[in-house]
């Protein structure tokens, strides 16, 4: 099965929250670039939907776009030639 990454559409509430955050931080003299991460964290903690349609549950061939941190150890062998 072919898996693809698809950009999901954000809810109107999420978009408004990000824009409000940007304008508030800009007027307070703070960096407005952090708003996307701030609002995403707030929505996840409160259980509010971030995306209009969560295609991960609807179609198994779609993967939500994003980063996932994993701890990885790499081993290698050096051979004497």
N, C-alpha and C. Protein backbone atom coordinates (compact mmCIF):
# COMPACT_ATOMS: atom_id res chain seq x y z
N UNK A 1 0.85 -1.17 0.00
CA UNK A 1 0.00 0.00 0.00
C UNK A 1 0.90 1.24 0.00
N UNK A 2 0.62 2.18 -0.85
CA UNK A 2 1.38 3.42 -0.95
C UNK A 2 0.90 4.40 0.12
N UNK A 3 1.84 4.94 0.87
CA UNK A 3 1.50 5.91 1.90
C UNK A 3 1.99 7.27 1.45
N UNK A 4 1.17 8.27 1.63
CA UNK A 4 1.53 9.62 1.23
C UNK A 4 1.36 10.57 2.41
N UNK A 5 2.07 11.67 2.35
CA UNK A 5 1.93 12.71 3.35
C UNK A 5 1.07 13.80 2.74
N UNK A 6 0.04 14.20 3.45
CA UNK A 6 -0.87 15.20 2.93
C UNK A 6 -1.03 16.33 3.94
N UNK A 7 -0.99 17.55 3.44
CA UNK A 7 -1.20 18.71 4.30
C UNK A 7 -2.69 18.79 4.64
N UNK A 8 -3.00 18.75 5.92
CA UNK A 8 -4.39 18.79 6.35
C UNK A 8 -4.81 20.24 6.57
N UNK A 9 -6.09 20.52 6.35
CA UNK A 9 -6.62 21.88 6.52
C UNK A 9 -6.95 22.13 7.99
N UNK A 10 -6.51 23.27 8.50
CA UNK A 10 -6.77 23.64 9.89
C UNK A 10 -8.20 24.17 10.04
N UNK A 11 -8.75 24.00 11.25
CA UNK A 11 -10.09 24.51 11.52
C UNK A 11 -10.07 26.04 11.56
N UNK A 12 -11.23 26.65 11.35
CA UNK A 12 -11.33 28.10 11.39
C UNK A 12 -10.96 28.63 12.78
N UNK A 13 -11.37 27.91 13.82
CA UNK A 13 -11.06 28.32 15.20
C UNK A 13 -9.54 28.35 15.42
N UNK A 14 -8.86 27.34 14.90
CA UNK A 14 -7.40 27.27 15.03
C UNK A 14 -6.74 28.44 14.29
N UNK A 15 -7.20 28.70 13.05
CA UNK A 15 -6.63 29.80 12.26
C UNK A 15 -6.84 31.14 12.97
N UNK A 16 -8.04 31.36 13.51
CA UNK A 16 -8.33 32.61 14.22
C UNK A 16 -7.44 32.75 15.45
N UNK A 17 -7.26 31.65 16.17
CA UNK A 17 -6.43 31.68 17.38
C UNK A 17 -4.98 32.03 17.04
N UNK A 18 -4.47 31.47 15.96
CA UNK A 18 -3.09 31.78 15.55
C UNK A 18 -2.97 33.24 15.15
N UNK A 19 -3.92 33.75 14.38
CA UNK A 19 -3.87 35.16 13.96
C UNK A 19 -4.01 36.10 15.15
N UNK A 20 -4.88 35.77 16.09
CA UNK A 20 -5.04 36.58 17.30
C UNK A 20 -3.74 36.59 18.10
N UNK A 21 -3.14 35.44 18.24
CA UNK A 21 -1.88 35.31 18.96
C UNK A 21 -0.80 36.18 18.30
N UNK A 22 -0.73 36.12 16.97
CA UNK A 22 0.27 36.90 16.25
C UNK A 22 0.10 38.39 16.49
N UNK A 23 -1.13 38.88 16.40
CA UNK A 23 -1.37 40.31 16.58
C UNK A 23 -1.09 40.73 18.02
N UNK A 24 -1.45 39.89 19.00
CA UNK A 24 -1.20 40.22 20.40
C UNK A 24 0.29 40.25 20.71
N UNK A 25 1.02 39.26 20.20
CA UNK A 25 2.46 39.20 20.47
C UNK A 25 3.20 40.33 19.74
N UNK A 26 2.74 40.67 18.55
CA UNK A 26 3.37 41.75 17.79
C UNK A 26 3.18 43.08 18.52
N UNK A 27 1.97 43.33 19.02
CA UNK A 27 1.71 44.59 19.73
C UNK A 27 2.44 44.65 21.08
N UNK A 28 2.75 43.48 21.64
CA UNK A 28 3.49 43.43 22.90
C UNK A 28 5.00 43.46 22.68
N UNK A 29 5.42 43.51 21.40
CA UNK A 29 6.85 43.56 21.10
C UNK A 29 7.54 42.21 21.17
N UNK A 30 6.77 41.13 21.10
CA UNK A 30 7.33 39.77 21.15
C UNK A 30 7.33 39.18 19.75
N UNK A 31 8.03 38.08 19.59
CA UNK A 31 8.15 37.40 18.30
C UNK A 31 6.84 36.68 17.96
N UNK A 32 6.14 37.09 16.89
CA UNK A 32 4.88 36.44 16.53
C UNK A 32 5.06 35.10 15.81
N UNK A 33 6.30 34.76 15.47
CA UNK A 33 6.55 33.50 14.75
C UNK A 33 6.30 32.26 15.61
N UNK A 34 6.26 32.42 16.91
CA UNK A 34 6.07 31.28 17.82
C UNK A 34 4.61 30.88 17.99
N UNK A 35 3.70 31.66 17.42
CA UNK A 35 2.27 31.45 17.67
C UNK A 35 1.75 30.10 17.20
N UNK A 36 2.22 29.61 16.05
CA UNK A 36 1.72 28.33 15.55
C UNK A 36 2.00 27.22 16.56
N UNK A 37 3.22 27.19 17.09
CA UNK A 37 3.56 26.17 18.09
C UNK A 37 2.79 26.37 19.39
N UNK A 38 2.64 27.60 19.81
CA UNK A 38 1.93 27.90 21.06
C UNK A 38 0.47 27.46 20.97
N UNK A 39 -0.20 27.82 19.88
CA UNK A 39 -1.61 27.49 19.72
C UNK A 39 -1.81 25.99 19.52
N UNK A 40 -0.91 25.35 18.78
CA UNK A 40 -0.99 23.90 18.60
C UNK A 40 -0.92 23.20 19.94
N UNK A 41 0.01 23.61 20.80
CA UNK A 41 0.15 23.02 22.12
C UNK A 41 -1.10 23.24 22.96
N UNK A 42 -1.65 24.46 22.93
CA UNK A 42 -2.86 24.76 23.70
C UNK A 42 -4.05 23.92 23.22
N UNK A 43 -4.21 23.78 21.90
CA UNK A 43 -5.32 23.00 21.37
C UNK A 43 -5.18 21.52 21.73
N UNK A 44 -3.97 20.99 21.66
CA UNK A 44 -3.76 19.58 22.00
C UNK A 44 -4.06 19.33 23.47
N UNK A 45 -3.61 20.24 24.35
CA UNK A 45 -3.86 20.08 25.79
C UNK A 45 -5.34 20.17 26.13
N UNK A 46 -6.07 21.02 25.40
CA UNK A 46 -7.50 21.19 25.70
C UNK A 46 -8.38 20.19 24.94
N UNK A 47 -7.79 19.45 23.99
CA UNK A 47 -8.56 18.46 23.24
C UNK A 47 -9.37 19.04 22.10
N UNK A 48 -9.11 20.30 21.75
CA UNK A 48 -9.83 20.93 20.64
C UNK A 48 -9.29 20.41 19.32
N UNK A 49 -10.13 20.32 18.29
CA UNK A 49 -9.65 19.84 16.99
C UNK A 49 -8.78 20.90 16.30
N UNK A 50 -7.69 20.44 15.73
CA UNK A 50 -6.77 21.32 15.01
C UNK A 50 -7.07 21.28 13.52
N UNK A 51 -7.48 20.12 13.04
CA UNK A 51 -7.73 19.93 11.61
C UNK A 51 -9.22 19.76 11.34
N UNK A 52 -9.66 20.18 10.14
CA UNK A 52 -11.05 20.07 9.74
C UNK A 52 -11.45 18.60 9.70
N UNK A 53 -10.62 17.81 9.08
CA UNK A 53 -10.91 16.39 8.95
C UNK A 53 -9.64 15.62 9.22
N UNK A 54 -9.68 14.72 10.18
CA UNK A 54 -8.50 13.93 10.50
C UNK A 54 -8.45 12.72 9.57
N UNK A 55 -7.71 12.83 8.53
CA UNK A 55 -7.67 11.78 7.51
C UNK A 55 -6.93 10.54 7.97
N UNK A 56 -6.18 10.63 9.04
CA UNK A 56 -5.47 9.48 9.56
C UNK A 56 -6.44 8.37 9.94
N UNK A 57 -7.55 8.75 10.55
CA UNK A 57 -8.52 7.77 10.98
C UNK A 57 -9.47 7.38 9.85
N UNK A 58 -9.63 8.30 8.90
CA UNK A 58 -10.58 8.05 7.82
C UNK A 58 -10.00 7.19 6.70
N UNK A 59 -8.76 7.49 6.30
CA UNK A 59 -8.10 6.77 5.22
C UNK A 59 -6.73 6.32 5.69
N UNK A 60 -6.50 5.03 5.71
CA UNK A 60 -5.24 4.53 6.25
C UNK A 60 -4.04 4.82 5.36
N UNK A 61 -4.25 5.25 4.10
CA UNK A 61 -3.10 5.53 3.24
C UNK A 61 -2.52 6.93 3.47
N UNK A 62 -3.15 7.74 4.32
CA UNK A 62 -2.66 9.08 4.59
C UNK A 62 -1.91 9.10 5.92
N UNK A 63 -0.87 9.89 5.98
CA UNK A 63 -0.09 10.07 7.20
C UNK A 63 -0.08 11.55 7.51
N UNK A 64 -0.35 11.91 8.74
CA UNK A 64 -0.36 13.32 9.12
C UNK A 64 1.05 13.88 9.02
N UNK A 65 1.15 15.08 8.45
CA UNK A 65 2.44 15.71 8.29
C UNK A 65 2.91 16.24 9.63
N UNK A 66 4.17 16.03 9.92
CA UNK A 66 4.73 16.54 11.16
C UNK A 66 6.01 15.81 11.50
N UNK A 67 6.61 16.20 12.60
CA UNK A 67 7.84 15.60 13.05
C UNK A 67 7.59 14.76 14.28
N UNK A 68 8.37 13.71 14.40
CA UNK A 68 8.29 12.87 15.58
C UNK A 68 9.70 12.61 16.05
N UNK A 69 9.96 12.87 17.32
CA UNK A 69 11.29 12.65 17.85
C UNK A 69 11.42 11.20 18.31
N UNK A 70 12.52 10.60 17.92
CA UNK A 70 12.82 9.24 18.36
C UNK A 70 14.29 9.16 18.72
N UNK A 71 14.59 8.39 19.71
CA UNK A 71 15.97 8.18 20.12
C UNK A 71 16.52 7.02 19.29
N UNK A 72 17.64 7.25 18.63
CA UNK A 72 18.21 6.25 17.74
C UNK A 72 19.68 6.06 18.08
N UNK A 73 20.13 4.82 18.11
CA UNK A 73 21.54 4.51 18.28
C UNK A 73 22.02 3.83 17.02
N UNK A 74 23.15 4.27 16.52
CA UNK A 74 23.70 3.70 15.30
C UNK A 74 25.00 2.98 15.64
N UNK A 75 25.09 1.75 15.22
CA UNK A 75 26.29 0.95 15.45
C UNK A 75 26.96 0.67 14.12
N UNK A 76 28.27 0.65 14.14
CA UNK A 76 29.00 0.32 12.93
C UNK A 76 30.23 -0.50 13.29
N UNK A 77 30.66 -1.28 12.36
CA UNK A 77 31.85 -2.09 12.55
C UNK A 77 32.93 -1.61 11.61
N UNK A 78 34.13 -1.46 12.17
CA UNK A 78 35.27 -1.07 11.36
C UNK A 78 36.10 -2.31 11.14
N UNK A 79 36.28 -2.67 9.90
CA UNK A 79 37.06 -3.87 9.59
C UNK A 79 38.48 -3.51 9.20
N UNK A 80 39.39 -4.38 9.55
CA UNK A 80 40.79 -4.19 9.16
C UNK A 80 40.99 -4.88 7.83
N UNK A 81 41.32 -4.10 6.82
CA UNK A 81 41.52 -4.67 5.48
C UNK A 81 42.96 -5.03 5.26
